[in-house]
Each structure stands twice: as C-alpha cells, then as structure tokens.
Protein backbone atom coordinates (compact mmCIF):
# COMPACT_ATOMS: atom_id res chain seq x y z
CA UNK A 1 20.04 15.92 -13.49
CA UNK A 2 16.41 16.57 -14.42
CA UNK A 3 13.88 15.76 -11.72
CA UNK A 4 11.59 12.90 -12.56
CA UNK A 5 8.18 12.47 -10.90
CA UNK A 6 8.36 8.76 -11.64
CA UNK A 7 11.20 8.39 -9.13
CA UNK A 8 9.11 9.99 -6.40
CA UNK A 9 6.28 7.53 -7.15
CA UNK A 10 8.68 4.59 -7.28
CA UNK A 11 9.98 5.60 -3.87
CA UNK A 12 6.52 4.85 -2.47
CA UNK A 13 6.63 1.34 -3.89
CA UNK A 14 10.27 0.39 -3.44
CA UNK A 15 11.71 2.82 -0.91
CA UNK A 16 12.32 -0.05 1.52
CA UNK A 17 14.98 -1.37 -0.84
CA UNK A 18 17.12 1.70 -0.18
CA UNK A 19 19.22 2.38 2.87
CA UNK A 20 17.86 4.97 5.28
CA UNK A 21 20.44 7.48 4.03
CA UNK A 22 19.61 6.82 0.36
CA UNK A 23 15.88 7.13 1.03
CA UNK A 24 16.43 10.38 2.95
CA UNK A 25 18.54 11.83 0.15
CA UNK A 26 16.03 10.90 -2.56
CA UNK A 27 13.14 12.28 -0.49
CA UNK A 28 15.01 15.55 0.00
CA UNK A 29 15.66 15.80 -3.72
CA UNK A 30 12.34 14.66 -5.18
CA UNK A 31 9.76 15.23 -2.47
CA UNK A 32 11.17 18.32 -0.76
CA UNK A 33 12.68 19.76 -3.95
CA UNK A 34 16.03 20.58 -2.32
CA UNK A 35 19.11 21.23 -4.42
CA UNK A 36 22.15 18.99 -4.27
CA UNK A 37 23.95 21.68 -2.26
CA UNK A 38 21.11 21.96 0.25
CA UNK A 39 21.00 18.19 0.68
CA UNK A 40 24.76 18.10 1.14
CA UNK A 41 24.49 20.72 3.84
CA UNK A 42 21.64 18.88 5.61
CA UNK A 43 23.27 15.45 5.49
CA UNK A 44 26.95 16.24 5.86
CA UNK A 45 27.72 14.50 2.57
CA UNK A 46 29.61 16.18 -0.26
CA UNK A 47 27.59 17.51 -3.17
CA UNK A 48 29.13 14.81 -5.40
CA UNK A 49 28.28 12.17 -2.78
CA UNK A 50 24.67 13.34 -2.78
CA UNK A 51 24.55 13.16 -6.57
CA UNK A 52 26.06 9.67 -6.57
CA UNK A 53 23.64 8.50 -3.89
CA UNK A 54 20.65 9.82 -5.83
CA UNK A 55 21.84 8.21 -9.07
CA UNK A 56 22.46 4.88 -7.32
CA UNK A 57 19.04 5.06 -5.67
CA UNK A 58 17.33 5.89 -8.98
CA UNK A 59 18.95 2.82 -10.54
CA UNK A 60 17.74 0.59 -7.70
CA UNK A 61 14.19 1.95 -7.92
CA UNK A 62 14.00 1.71 -11.72
CA UNK A 63 15.41 -1.83 -11.75
CA UNK A 64 12.94 -2.92 -9.08
CA UNK A 65 10.04 -1.59 -11.14
CA UNK A 66 11.43 -3.23 -14.27
CA UNK A 67 11.63 -6.60 -12.51
CA UNK A 68 8.50 -6.44 -10.34
CA UNK A 69 6.27 -3.91 -12.11
CA UNK A 70 4.27 -3.07 -8.98
CA UNK A 71 3.64 0.54 -9.96
CA UNK A 72 2.59 -0.40 -13.48
CA UNK A 73 0.29 -3.16 -12.17
CA UNK A 74 -1.21 -0.78 -9.63
CA UNK A 75 -1.95 1.80 -12.33
CA UNK A 76 -3.58 -0.83 -14.52
CA UNK A 77 -5.66 -2.00 -11.58
CA UNK A 78 -6.73 1.57 -10.76
CA UNK A 79 -7.76 2.11 -14.39
CA UNK A 80 -9.75 -1.13 -14.43
CA UNK A 81 -11.53 -0.21 -11.20
CA UNK A 82 -12.41 3.20 -12.62
CA UNK A 83 -13.82 1.54 -15.74
CA UNK A 84 -15.92 -0.76 -13.55
CA UNK A 85 -17.23 2.28 -11.65
CA UNK A 86 -18.17 4.01 -14.91
CA UNK A 87 -20.05 0.92 -16.07
CA UNK A 88 -21.82 0.64 -12.74
CA UNK A 89 -22.95 4.26 -13.13
CA UNK A 90 -24.41 3.37 -16.54
CA UNK A 91 -26.22 0.34 -15.14
CA UNK A 92 -27.48 2.36 -12.19
CA UNK A 93 -28.77 5.08 -14.51
CA UNK A 94 -30.60 2.57 -16.69
CA UNK A 95 -32.00 0.85 -13.63
CA UNK A 96 -33.31 4.12 -12.19
CA UNK A 97 -34.95 5.15 -15.49
CA UNK A 98 -36.20 1.85 -16.86
CA UNK A 99 -36.20 -1.16 -14.57
CA UNK A 100 -36.35 0.31 -11.06
CA UNK A 101 -35.19 -3.04 -9.73
CA UNK A 102 -34.38 -3.27 -6.03
CA UNK A 103 -32.27 -6.37 -6.71
CA UNK A 104 -30.10 -4.46 -9.21
CA UNK A 105 -29.89 -1.51 -6.83
CA UNK A 106 -28.73 -3.73 -3.93
CA UNK A 107 -26.24 -5.53 -6.19
CA UNK A 108 -24.77 -2.20 -7.27
CA UNK A 109 -24.37 -1.16 -3.62
CA UNK A 110 -22.56 -4.42 -2.85
CA UNK A 111 -20.27 -4.05 -5.85
CA UNK A 112 -19.44 -0.45 -4.91
CA UNK A 113 -18.67 -1.54 -1.35
CA UNK A 114 -16.22 -4.14 -2.65
CA UNK A 115 -14.66 -1.59 -5.02
CA UNK A 116 -14.11 0.73 -2.05
CA UNK A 117 -12.28 -2.10 -0.27
CA UNK A 118 -10.08 -2.63 -3.31
CA UNK A 119 -9.36 1.10 -3.53
CA UNK A 120 -8.28 1.06 0.10
CA UNK A 121 -5.97 -1.90 -0.50
CA UNK A 122 -4.37 -0.18 -3.49
CA UNK A 123 -3.84 3.10 -1.63
CA UNK A 124 -2.10 1.39 1.32
C-alpha cells in the first residue's frame, strides 16, 4: 500500500466523516508515518484490521472529495487569490512609478486586507 499525500490532505477536509478509530489509524499511517505493525501494536488491532481500516477510510475520504470537491475548490480559490495578489503587485508597481495616486494606493491596501481575510477563512 503506497502512501499517498492526497489522503493526508483529504483527512483535513473530511476527517470528521470517519470514526475516531479510523481517523486515529489514518493519522498514524499518513501523518506519523507508522507502519501497519506499529499501528497494530499501538491500537490493539490486528495488522490486517489496521490495513482494512485504512483502506475503508481512504475510500470514504476519496468518495467525499469526489462528491463535494472541497479540496479541489479550495486549491482553485487559493490559486485565484494568488493571481489577484500578483496583479495587485503589478498595479502597485505602476502606481508607484507612474501615477503616484493616493486613491489607488488606499484601494490596494483595502483589497489586500480583504485578501488576508479570505486567506484566513481558507486556512481554517
């Protein structure tokens, strides 16, 4: 079973869909990088039980993303916000060199403040 970073990321979005035991097992495997044997020892579940739990959890997480697409939407939103920031930098540069407009400068500050709020929402 090859480790997949996507599962670790999906756990952040959809971990609440798993039971506490499933979430713990997946965290041990993906986040803590424990082997199936180590997880079995820590949880008191057989090695095969750990493997089955991880596989079942992966299926739940992948199906949730397929249906809801929260991680994909979040990535698209992050990319769009970064593009907006790059364009603001261009406008700011032009303003500083050519126009020197206080109105543009204040507008840029307001836009950046709102982008920071959006970044905070996305990260939480």
